[in-house]
Amino acid sequence: MSTTAEPASASPAQPAPTAKAVSTRPFGWRDKIGYMFGDFGNDFTFLLQSSFFLIFYTNVMGISAAHVGTLLFAARILDAFTDVGAGRLIDTLRPGRSGRFKPWLLRIMVPVAVAAFLMFSPFLQDGSYGVRLAWMIGTYVLWGSVFYTLINIPYGSMASVISNKPGDRASLSVFRSLGATLANLGISVILPLIVFVQINGQSELSGSRMMLAAGGCAILAIVCYLLCFVNVEERTATPPKAKADRMGFGQMMGTLVTNRALTGLIATSLFMLIAFMLLGGLMPYMLNEYFNNGQLLSVVNLVGLAPTLLLVPFASKLAKVVGKKEIGVAGMSLGVVAALVLFIVRTDSPYVFMVGYAVLMLGVSCLNILIWAFITDVIDHQEIRTGERNDATVYGLYSWARKLGQAIAGGLTGWALAWIGYQSGTGETVVQSQEVLDGIYSLATLLPAILLTVSVLALLFWYPLSKKRVDENVAILEKKHAAAAASDGSL
């Protein structure tokens, strides 16, 4: 891919570059809708992987659940380098004609879509175990550690340059969450009706249907990335500092790991995501095995997504009045209570389970729908502490932490299924014992309750950016940027 060469170091007499507003249309609905489509595109492959990867490789490809879980965990160690490296690369390159972050959407949209399709292609279903294992590892690493990283890091970083106003950024976070929810509707509500089939009274996942579904999602992802590219504008052009004036990589990483706002957000998101992704990974097993009706997964997923849709019209206003941290603490506390009630009740009715699951997801959504506005607050806090923003590097580190949470959830799901004795494979010869079914239920209720409790405590006692603190930071940066603009204009 082509990049612009890094400029030579500026001479001591030259002033450091300052952020300059780009002459463009005002921030508005077009940006919100366009940014929404960006996450819509991301989640056409991300949610496909998180919802079906484990069960596809255990039930269709015949890979051990423990081996799948190990891959999901080990790949995230690699992402510690690819995510932060991608962020640092993007921060040090000069912006192109369409901005610093937008060009990456065009560069990577086709490769990430193709990799997602290959990941769900059962071409080697009848091959040896080693060949099937190699196919799983190769396609997953290519999709997640390489291409998804190179499109997700710039996309997520883009929010900080679309607008510098907290209200606008909160709106972008809400619309990004809306895009994820709409993609989720298509993938976790509609796809189960297509990819699960009944054979001799037994619910099974069809490998051929899964491949066709992945191809459709890949095409839709490309369309959504294009819609994001043409509708979003980067309004703040921030040339990178000369190499001699920038913090070194080690120094910069030191400032990041001592940024309590960043580490607190990482801890909060890590445990919330482990709980959220664990639920997503176990739901196919809950419906397909415990309730013996995989097609009901579409209804359960719809029930789980409904709270996010209900919150969309109010989330930005609530964040402005109450505060993002405050909403997150209250919401996730509700989620903990709902998960504990489900564990104690231990219902055999999928419909009773859906009611408790809806309340649980309402609590999680209170944090999840605003999480991308949290990271822009953290980036502002980093600028106040160090004088440098490093938007993409901060986002890259945070993205890796989220991936680590997702990986731990994937690994934990696979390992836990193996621990309770889950039998991989499909057909009448594979029958799960009652102990296994009871174990699946416990994993899907008690474990999320514990994880969400840790997340609430981290947000409450570790993360420092209350509503009052965020408002103070915004005022400080407004004065700083106004002074810098006045100084730059007088030169």
Protein backbone atom coordinates (compact mmCIF):
# COMPACT_ATOMS: atom_id res chain seq x y z
CA MET A 1 0.00 0.00 0.00
CA SER A 2 1.28 3.48 -0.72
CA THR A 3 2.12 5.90 2.05
CA THR A 4 3.52 9.37 2.25
CA ALA A 5 7.11 9.57 3.34
CA GLU A 6 7.82 11.07 6.74
CA PRO A 7 9.02 14.66 6.48
CA ALA A 8 12.51 15.67 7.44
CA SER A 9 12.93 17.08 10.93
CA ALA A 10 12.08 20.75 11.18
CA SER A 11 14.86 23.18 12.01
CA PRO A 12 14.92 24.65 15.53
CA ALA A 13 13.69 27.98 14.19
CA GLN A 14 10.52 26.46 12.80
CA PRO A 15 7.45 26.47 15.07
CA ALA A 16 5.90 23.11 15.95
CA PRO A 17 2.90 22.30 13.78
CA THR A 18 -0.46 23.03 15.32
CA ALA A 19 -3.90 21.62 14.66
CA LYS A 20 -5.67 23.64 12.00
CA ALA A 21 -9.32 23.48 11.11
CA VAL A 22 -9.99 22.21 7.63
CA SER A 23 -12.39 24.26 5.56
CA THR A 24 -15.33 21.93 5.05
CA ARG A 25 -19.04 21.61 5.68
CA PRO A 26 -20.27 21.81 9.29
CA PHE A 27 -20.64 18.66 11.37
CA GLY A 28 -24.09 17.16 10.92
CA TRP A 29 -26.29 14.17 10.24
CA ARG A 30 -24.26 13.13 7.20
CA ASP A 31 -21.22 12.54 9.43
CA LYS A 32 -23.25 10.61 11.99
CA ILE A 33 -24.81 8.34 9.38
CA GLY A 34 -21.51 7.90 7.57
CA TYR A 35 -19.68 6.99 10.77
CA MET A 36 -22.46 4.56 11.62
CA PHE A 37 -21.87 2.75 8.32
CA GLY A 38 -18.19 2.36 9.20
CA ASP A 39 -18.97 0.18 12.20
CA PHE A 40 -21.73 -1.48 10.23
CA GLY A 41 -18.99 -2.60 7.84
CA ASN A 42 -16.64 -3.62 10.65
CA ASP A 43 -19.26 -5.73 12.33
CA PHE A 44 -20.32 -7.57 9.20
CA THR A 45 -17.07 -9.49 9.64
CA PHE A 46 -16.35 -8.99 13.35
CA LEU A 47 -19.76 -10.15 14.60
CA LEU A 48 -19.75 -12.97 12.07
CA GLN A 49 -16.52 -14.18 13.65
CA SER A 50 -17.56 -13.64 17.27
CA SER A 51 -20.98 -15.28 16.80
CA PHE A 52 -20.15 -18.31 14.65
CA PHE A 53 -16.39 -18.95 14.56
CA LEU A 54 -16.26 -21.26 17.58
CA ILE A 55 -19.31 -23.36 16.73
CA PHE A 56 -18.34 -23.47 13.01
CA TYR A 57 -14.92 -24.94 13.76
CA THR A 58 -16.13 -27.33 16.49
CA ASN A 59 -19.29 -28.59 14.79
CA VAL A 60 -18.52 -28.27 11.06
CA MET A 61 -14.74 -28.54 10.83
CA GLY A 62 -14.42 -30.91 13.79
CA ILE A 63 -11.73 -28.93 15.64
CA SER A 64 -11.40 -29.39 19.39
CA ALA A 65 -13.02 -26.56 21.39
CA ALA A 66 -9.81 -26.26 23.41
CA HIS A 67 -7.76 -25.77 20.22
CA VAL A 68 -10.14 -23.07 18.96
CA GLY A 69 -10.01 -21.33 22.32
CA THR A 70 -6.21 -21.45 22.35
CA LEU A 71 -6.08 -19.81 18.90
CA LEU A 72 -8.46 -17.04 19.96
CA PHE A 73 -6.24 -16.29 22.94
CA ALA A 74 -2.82 -16.67 21.29
CA ALA A 75 -3.70 -14.45 18.32
CA ARG A 76 -4.30 -11.56 20.70
CA ILE A 77 -0.70 -11.73 21.88
CA LEU A 78 0.27 -11.04 18.26
CA ASP A 79 -2.21 -8.17 18.19
CA ALA A 80 -0.31 -6.43 20.97
CA PHE A 81 2.26 -5.68 18.27
CA THR A 82 0.01 -5.20 15.23
CA ASP A 83 -2.54 -2.89 16.90
CA VAL A 84 -0.05 -0.57 18.60
CA GLY A 85 2.26 -0.73 15.58
CA ALA A 86 -0.57 0.23 13.23
CA GLY A 87 -1.54 3.13 15.50
CA ARG A 88 2.03 4.42 15.68
CA LEU A 89 2.40 4.12 11.89
CA ILE A 90 -0.77 6.11 11.25
CA ASP A 91 0.18 8.79 13.79
CA THR A 92 3.60 9.41 12.20
CA LEU A 93 2.50 9.51 8.54
CA ARG A 94 1.39 12.80 7.06
CA PRO A 95 -2.32 12.99 6.17
CA GLY A 96 -3.40 12.34 2.59
CA ARG A 97 -5.81 14.41 0.53
CA SER A 98 -8.85 12.88 2.22
CA GLY A 99 -7.34 12.97 5.71
CA ARG A 100 -5.18 10.89 8.01
CA PHE A 101 -7.60 8.03 8.65
CA LYS A 102 -10.12 7.83 5.78
CA PRO A 103 -7.70 6.50 3.11
CA TRP A 104 -7.24 3.28 5.08
CA LEU A 105 -10.89 2.38 4.54
CA LEU A 106 -10.31 2.16 0.79
CA ARG A 107 -6.99 0.36 1.11
CA ILE A 108 -8.13 -2.47 3.35
CA MET A 109 -11.89 -2.97 2.75
CA VAL A 110 -11.48 -5.68 0.08
CA PRO A 111 -8.69 -7.67 1.81
CA VAL A 112 -10.60 -7.80 5.13
CA ALA A 113 -13.78 -8.93 3.39
CA VAL A 114 -12.02 -11.68 1.42
CA ALA A 115 -10.25 -12.95 4.54
CA ALA A 116 -13.58 -13.15 6.39
CA PHE A 117 -15.08 -15.21 3.57
CA LEU A 118 -12.16 -17.64 3.57
CA MET A 119 -12.40 -18.01 7.34
CA PHE A 120 -15.86 -19.59 6.97
CA SER A 121 -15.18 -21.67 3.86
CA PRO A 122 -15.36 -25.43 4.62
CA PHE A 123 -13.17 -26.37 1.63
CA LEU A 124 -10.98 -28.63 3.77
CA GLN A 125 -13.74 -30.12 5.87
CA ASP A 126 -12.70 -33.67 4.86
CA GLY A 127 -8.95 -33.06 5.15
CA SER A 128 -6.70 -34.31 7.90
CA TYR A 129 -6.95 -32.71 11.34
CA GLY A 130 -3.61 -30.93 10.89
CA VAL A 131 -4.69 -29.41 7.58
CA ARG A 132 -8.01 -28.23 9.02
CA LEU A 133 -6.21 -26.76 12.03
CA ALA A 134 -3.72 -24.92 9.79
CA TRP A 135 -6.57 -23.50 7.67
CA MET A 136 -8.32 -22.21 10.79
CA ILE A 137 -5.16 -20.57 12.14
CA GLY A 138 -4.05 -19.04 8.84
CA THR A 139 -7.38 -17.52 7.83
CA TYR A 140 -8.12 -16.21 11.32
CA VAL A 141 -4.74 -14.50 11.78
CA LEU A 142 -4.94 -13.00 8.28
CA TRP A 143 -8.39 -11.60 8.98
CA GLY A 144 -8.01 -10.46 12.59
CA SER A 145 -4.36 -9.63 13.27
CA VAL A 146 -3.59 -8.07 9.89
CA PHE A 147 -6.50 -6.71 7.85
CA TYR A 148 -9.09 -6.02 10.56
CA THR A 149 -6.43 -4.18 12.57
CA LEU A 150 -5.46 -2.01 9.59
CA ILE A 151 -9.04 -0.88 9.01
CA ASN A 152 -10.39 -0.73 12.56
CA ILE A 153 -7.59 1.38 14.12
CA PRO A 154 -7.95 4.31 11.67
CA TYR A 155 -11.74 4.03 11.71
CA GLY A 156 -11.92 4.24 15.49
CA SER A 157 -9.35 7.04 15.68
CA MET A 158 -11.31 9.10 13.16
CA ALA A 159 -13.91 10.20 15.74
CA SER A 160 -11.46 12.59 17.40
CA VAL A 161 -10.91 14.56 14.16
CA ILE A 162 -14.48 14.59 12.84
CA SER A 163 -15.34 17.05 15.60
CA ASN A 164 -13.67 18.35 18.77
CA LYS A 165 -16.98 18.97 20.60
CA PRO A 166 -17.94 16.48 23.34
CA GLY A 167 -21.59 16.50 22.29
CA ASP A 168 -20.71 15.64 18.70
CA ARG A 169 -18.37 12.88 19.85
CA ALA A 170 -21.06 11.40 22.08
CA SER A 171 -23.37 11.38 19.05
CA LEU A 172 -20.71 9.61 16.99
CA SER A 173 -20.36 6.98 19.72
CA VAL A 174 -24.12 6.44 19.78
CA PHE A 175 -24.32 6.16 15.99
CA ARG A 176 -21.32 3.83 15.94
CA SER A 177 -23.14 1.63 18.45
CA LEU A 178 -26.25 1.88 16.30
CA GLY A 179 -24.27 0.64 13.30
CA ALA A 180 -23.00 -2.30 15.34
CA THR A 181 -26.55 -3.05 16.48
CA LEU A 182 -27.94 -2.98 12.94
CA ALA A 183 -25.20 -5.33 11.77
CA ASN A 184 -25.98 -7.52 14.77
CA LEU A 185 -29.61 -7.66 13.72
CA GLY A 186 -28.60 -9.06 10.36
CA ILE A 187 -25.98 -11.47 11.65
CA SER A 188 -27.32 -12.78 14.94
CA VAL A 189 -31.04 -12.48 14.25
CA ILE A 190 -31.37 -13.36 10.55
CA LEU A 191 -28.39 -15.66 9.97
CA PRO A 192 -29.39 -18.32 12.52
CA LEU A 193 -32.59 -18.86 10.54
CA ILE A 194 -30.42 -19.54 7.47
CA VAL A 195 -27.40 -21.46 8.75
CA PHE A 196 -29.06 -23.78 11.29
CA VAL A 197 -31.04 -26.72 9.93
CA GLN A 198 -33.01 -29.57 11.48
CA ILE A 199 -31.79 -33.06 10.51
CA ASN A 200 -33.69 -36.00 11.96
CA GLY A 201 -34.99 -33.81 14.78
CA GLN A 202 -31.49 -32.55 15.67
CA SER A 203 -30.45 -28.91 15.21
CA GLU A 204 -27.20 -28.58 13.19
CA LEU A 205 -25.06 -25.81 11.67
CA SER A 206 -24.72 -26.13 7.86
CA GLY A 207 -21.19 -25.54 6.58
CA SER A 208 -22.25 -24.70 3.01
CA ARG A 209 -24.87 -22.23 4.19
CA MET A 210 -22.34 -20.67 6.53
CA MET A 211 -19.95 -20.07 3.63
CA LEU A 212 -22.65 -18.39 1.53
CA ALA A 213 -23.67 -16.23 4.49
CA ALA A 214 -20.04 -15.17 4.97
CA GLY A 215 -19.82 -14.19 1.30
CA GLY A 216 -22.92 -12.02 1.60
CA CYS A 217 -21.59 -10.33 4.74
CA ALA A 218 -18.26 -9.66 3.02
CA ILE A 219 -19.94 -7.86 0.11
CA LEU A 220 -22.13 -5.79 2.44
CA ALA A 221 -19.06 -4.84 4.49
CA ILE A 222 -17.39 -3.31 1.41
CA VAL A 223 -20.53 -1.31 0.59
CA CYS A 224 -20.70 0.05 4.14
CA TYR A 225 -17.03 1.09 4.15
CA LEU A 226 -17.62 3.03 0.93
CA LEU A 227 -20.63 4.79 2.45
CA CYS A 228 -18.52 5.77 5.45
CA PHE A 229 -15.72 7.11 3.24
CA VAL A 230 -17.92 9.38 1.13
CA ASN A 231 -20.00 10.80 4.00
CA VAL A 232 -17.50 11.48 6.80
CA GLU A 233 -15.21 14.51 6.91
CA GLU A 234 -12.00 14.92 8.92
CA ARG A 235 -12.12 18.50 10.17
CA THR A 236 -8.92 18.84 12.18
CA ALA A 237 -5.66 18.44 10.29
CA THR A 238 -2.84 17.77 12.76
CA PRO A 239 0.52 17.35 11.01
CA PRO A 240 2.85 15.03 12.91
CA LYS A 241 5.63 16.69 14.85
CA ALA A 242 9.10 16.51 13.43
CA LYS A 243 10.81 13.31 14.51
CA ALA A 244 13.23 15.21 16.75
CA ASP A 245 10.30 16.88 18.57
CA ARG A 246 8.20 13.76 19.15
CA MET A 247 8.35 11.59 22.22
CA GLY A 248 10.17 8.35 21.61
CA PHE A 249 8.11 5.18 21.46
CA GLY A 250 9.27 4.01 24.90
CA GLN A 251 8.58 7.39 26.48
CA MET A 252 5.16 7.59 24.88
CA MET A 253 4.23 4.09 26.05
CA GLY A 254 5.33 5.08 29.54
CA THR A 255 2.90 8.00 29.53
CA LEU A 256 0.11 5.72 28.32
CA VAL A 257 0.50 3.00 30.93
CA THR A 258 0.56 5.66 33.68
CA ASN A 259 -2.57 7.36 32.32
CA ARG A 260 -5.15 6.32 34.90
CA ALA A 261 -8.01 7.25 32.62
CA LEU A 262 -6.70 4.88 29.92
CA THR A 263 -5.85 2.02 32.27
CA GLY A 264 -9.15 2.43 34.11
CA LEU A 265 -11.09 2.35 30.86
CA ILE A 266 -9.11 -0.68 29.70
CA ALA A 267 -9.89 -2.55 32.93
CA THR A 268 -13.57 -1.63 32.73
CA SER A 269 -13.87 -2.58 29.06
CA LEU A 270 -11.81 -5.74 29.47
CA PHE A 271 -14.11 -7.37 32.00
CA MET A 272 -17.27 -6.03 30.38
CA LEU A 273 -16.18 -7.40 27.00
CA ILE A 274 -15.21 -10.77 28.42
CA ALA A 275 -18.71 -11.05 29.88
CA PHE A 276 -20.37 -9.73 26.70
CA MET A 277 -18.40 -11.91 24.30
CA LEU A 278 -18.70 -14.95 26.58
CA LEU A 279 -22.46 -14.57 26.40
CA GLY A 280 -22.29 -14.23 22.63
CA GLY A 281 -20.12 -17.32 22.31
CA LEU A 282 -22.32 -19.42 24.59
CA MET A 283 -25.72 -18.39 23.21
CA PRO A 284 -25.52 -20.77 20.20
CA TYR A 285 -24.81 -23.61 22.64
CA MET A 286 -27.56 -22.50 25.01
CA LEU A 287 -30.16 -22.55 22.25
CA ASN A 288 -28.81 -25.39 20.14
CA GLU A 289 -27.95 -27.72 23.03
CA TYR A 290 -29.73 -26.67 26.25
CA PHE A 291 -33.03 -25.68 24.61
CA ASN A 292 -32.49 -27.91 21.50
CA ASN A 293 -33.58 -25.22 19.04
CA GLY A 294 -30.78 -23.31 17.32
CA GLN A 295 -33.24 -21.18 15.35
CA LEU A 296 -34.44 -19.60 18.61
CA LEU A 297 -31.04 -17.92 18.69
CA SER A 298 -32.42 -15.30 16.31
CA VAL A 299 -35.18 -14.39 18.80
CA VAL A 300 -32.79 -14.31 21.77
CA ASN A 301 -30.37 -12.09 19.86
CA LEU A 302 -33.19 -9.75 18.86
CA VAL A 303 -34.24 -9.50 22.50
CA GLY A 304 -30.63 -8.76 23.45
CA LEU A 305 -30.29 -6.01 20.83
CA ALA A 306 -33.59 -4.28 21.60
CA PRO A 307 -32.22 -2.34 24.62
CA THR A 308 -29.53 -0.71 22.49
CA LEU A 309 -32.12 0.43 19.96
CA LEU A 310 -34.26 1.83 22.78
CA LEU A 311 -31.31 3.76 24.22
CA VAL A 312 -30.18 5.35 20.92
CA PRO A 313 -32.54 8.38 21.04
CA PHE A 314 -31.63 9.22 24.65
CA ALA A 315 -28.00 8.17 25.18
CA SER A 316 -26.32 11.42 24.07
CA LYS A 317 -28.65 13.58 26.17
CA LEU A 318 -28.24 11.32 29.19
CA ALA A 319 -24.46 11.48 28.83
CA LYS A 320 -24.60 15.27 28.69
CA VAL A 321 -26.85 15.60 31.75
CA VAL A 322 -25.76 12.67 33.94
CA GLY A 323 -22.29 11.74 32.69
CA LYS A 324 -20.91 8.72 30.86
CA LYS A 325 -19.18 7.17 33.87
CA GLU A 326 -22.27 7.58 36.02
CA ILE A 327 -24.55 5.93 33.43
CA GLY A 328 -22.13 3.04 32.99
CA VAL A 329 -21.96 2.25 36.72
CA ALA A 330 -25.75 2.25 37.12
CA GLY A 331 -26.36 0.19 33.98
CA MET A 332 -23.85 -2.55 34.62
CA SER A 333 -25.03 -2.90 38.22
CA LEU A 334 -28.45 -3.71 36.78
CA GLY A 335 -26.83 -6.29 34.49
CA VAL A 336 -25.16 -8.02 37.45
CA VAL A 337 -28.49 -8.37 39.24
CA ALA A 338 -30.20 -9.80 36.13
CA ALA A 339 -27.48 -12.40 35.58
CA LEU A 340 -27.62 -13.54 39.21
CA VAL A 341 -31.40 -13.89 39.08
CA LEU A 342 -31.15 -16.06 35.94
CA PHE A 343 -28.55 -18.26 37.64
CA ILE A 344 -30.69 -18.74 40.75
CA VAL A 345 -33.94 -19.35 38.86
CA ARG A 346 -32.31 -21.85 36.43
CA THR A 347 -35.29 -21.87 34.09
CA ASP A 348 -36.09 -24.55 31.51
CA SER A 349 -38.16 -22.08 29.48
CA PRO A 350 -36.31 -20.19 26.73
CA TYR A 351 -38.87 -17.40 26.98
CA VAL A 352 -38.30 -16.81 30.69
CA PHE A 353 -34.59 -16.83 29.93
CA MET A 354 -35.13 -14.18 27.25
CA VAL A 355 -36.74 -11.79 29.76
CA GLY A 356 -33.77 -11.96 32.12
CA TYR A 357 -31.34 -11.77 29.20
CA ALA A 358 -33.04 -8.58 27.93
CA VAL A 359 -32.59 -6.89 31.32
CA LEU A 360 -28.96 -8.05 31.48
CA MET A 361 -28.26 -6.62 28.03
CA LEU A 362 -30.00 -3.36 28.90
CA GLY A 363 -27.48 -2.91 31.69
CA VAL A 364 -24.49 -3.72 29.48
CA SER A 365 -25.79 -1.41 26.73
CA CYS A 366 -25.73 1.58 29.09
CA LEU A 367 -21.93 1.38 28.98
CA ASN A 368 -21.41 -0.14 25.56
CA ILE A 369 -23.37 2.45 23.60
CA LEU A 370 -21.17 5.29 24.94
CA ILE A 371 -17.83 3.46 25.13
CA TRP A 372 -16.38 5.16 22.04
CA ALA A 373 -17.00 8.58 23.59
CA PHE A 374 -15.05 7.41 26.65
CA ILE A 375 -11.93 6.90 24.52
CA THR A 376 -12.09 10.42 23.07
CA ASP A 377 -12.22 11.74 26.66
CA VAL A 378 -9.13 9.64 27.40
CA ILE A 379 -7.32 11.06 24.36
CA ASP A 380 -8.11 14.58 25.60
CA HIS A 381 -6.79 13.62 29.03
CA GLN A 382 -3.58 12.31 27.46
CA GLU A 383 -3.05 15.62 25.63
CA ILE A 384 -3.44 17.55 28.88
CA ARG A 385 -0.90 15.29 30.60
CA THR A 386 1.75 15.21 27.86
CA GLY A 387 1.02 17.87 25.25
CA GLU A 388 0.65 15.18 22.53
CA ARG A 389 -2.53 13.44 21.46
CA ASN A 390 -1.29 10.40 19.51
CA ASP A 391 -4.91 9.57 18.67
CA ALA A 392 -4.26 6.39 16.70
CA THR A 393 -1.64 5.04 19.12
CA VAL A 394 -3.93 5.56 22.12
CA TYR A 395 -6.77 3.96 20.19
CA GLY A 396 -4.47 1.14 19.06
CA LEU A 397 -3.53 0.28 22.64
CA TYR A 398 -7.15 0.44 23.71
CA SER A 399 -8.18 -1.64 20.70
CA TRP A 400 -5.64 -4.29 21.62
CA ALA A 401 -7.01 -4.38 25.16
CA ARG A 402 -10.51 -4.89 23.75
CA LYS A 403 -9.23 -7.65 21.51
CA LEU A 404 -7.55 -9.20 24.52
CA GLY A 405 -10.90 -9.20 26.28
CA GLN A 406 -12.52 -10.77 23.25
CA ALA A 407 -9.74 -13.34 23.05
CA ILE A 408 -9.97 -14.22 26.72
CA ALA A 409 -13.71 -14.64 26.25
CA GLY A 410 -13.18 -16.86 23.20
CA GLY A 411 -10.49 -18.86 24.91
CA LEU A 412 -12.46 -19.11 28.12
CA THR A 413 -15.55 -20.25 26.23
CA GLY A 414 -13.68 -22.98 24.40
CA TRP A 415 -11.73 -24.11 27.44
CA ALA A 416 -14.80 -24.07 29.70
CA LEU A 417 -16.79 -26.16 27.22
CA ALA A 418 -13.96 -28.66 27.21
CA TRP A 419 -13.79 -28.65 31.03
CA ILE A 420 -17.50 -29.51 31.38
CA GLY A 421 -17.11 -32.34 28.87
CA TYR A 422 -18.69 -30.86 25.73
CA GLN A 423 -18.36 -33.25 22.77
CA SER A 424 -17.34 -31.68 19.43
CA GLY A 425 -18.85 -32.92 16.19
CA THR A 426 -22.33 -33.24 14.73
CA GLY A 427 -24.93 -35.91 14.05
CA GLU A 428 -26.90 -38.41 16.10
CA THR A 429 -23.76 -40.05 17.50
CA VAL A 430 -22.91 -36.89 19.49
CA VAL A 431 -25.21 -36.45 22.50
CA GLN A 432 -24.45 -34.07 25.34
CA SER A 433 -25.05 -35.31 28.90
CA GLN A 434 -27.31 -33.50 31.36
CA GLU A 435 -24.25 -32.47 33.35
CA VAL A 436 -22.87 -30.76 30.24
CA LEU A 437 -26.17 -28.98 29.61
CA ASP A 438 -26.32 -27.77 33.22
CA GLY A 439 -22.73 -26.61 32.91
CA ILE A 440 -23.54 -24.56 29.81
CA TYR A 441 -26.36 -22.82 31.71
CA SER A 442 -24.11 -21.97 34.65
CA LEU A 443 -21.39 -20.64 32.36
CA ALA A 444 -23.91 -18.35 30.62
CA THR A 445 -25.29 -16.80 33.84
CA LEU A 446 -23.01 -16.93 36.89
CA LEU A 447 -19.74 -16.23 35.09
CA PRO A 448 -21.02 -13.02 33.37
CA ALA A 449 -22.35 -11.81 36.75
CA ILE A 450 -18.89 -12.15 38.30
CA LEU A 451 -17.14 -10.47 35.38
CA LEU A 452 -19.55 -7.54 35.25
CA THR A 453 -19.09 -6.99 38.98
CA VAL A 454 -15.35 -6.53 38.44
CA SER A 455 -16.07 -4.13 35.56
CA VAL A 456 -18.38 -2.00 37.73
CA LEU A 457 -15.76 -1.77 40.47
CA ALA A 458 -13.05 -0.72 37.99
CA LEU A 459 -15.25 2.02 36.50
CA LEU A 460 -16.36 3.26 39.91
CA PHE A 461 -13.02 3.33 41.74
CA TRP A 462 -10.28 3.35 39.05
CA TYR A 463 -11.52 5.38 36.08
CA PRO A 464 -11.20 9.07 37.11
CA LEU A 465 -13.12 10.93 34.39
CA SER A 466 -16.42 11.81 36.00
CA LYS A 467 -18.74 14.27 34.28
CA LYS A 468 -17.20 17.14 36.27
CA ARG A 469 -13.65 16.12 35.32
CA VAL A 470 -14.53 15.76 31.61
CA ASP A 471 -16.09 19.23 31.54
CA GLU A 472 -12.96 20.67 33.16
CA ASN A 473 -10.71 18.97 30.60
CA VAL A 474 -12.79 20.28 27.70
CA ALA A 475 -12.49 23.83 29.02
CA ILE A 476 -8.70 23.50 29.45
CA LEU A 477 -8.23 22.24 25.88
CA GLU A 478 -10.48 24.90 24.39
CA LYS A 479 -8.29 27.59 25.96
CA LYS A 480 -5.10 25.83 24.88
CA HIS A 481 -6.22 25.38 21.27
CA ALA A 482 -7.55 28.94 21.05
CA ALA A 483 -4.21 30.27 22.27
CA ALA A 484 -2.31 28.08 19.82
CA ALA A 485 -4.50 29.24 16.93
CA ALA A 486 -4.03 32.89 17.88
CA SER A 487 -0.25 32.42 18.12
CA ASP A 488 -0.13 30.61 14.77
CA GLY A 489 -2.17 33.36 13.12
CA SER A 490 0.14 36.08 14.37
CA LEU A 491 3.25 34.50 12.78
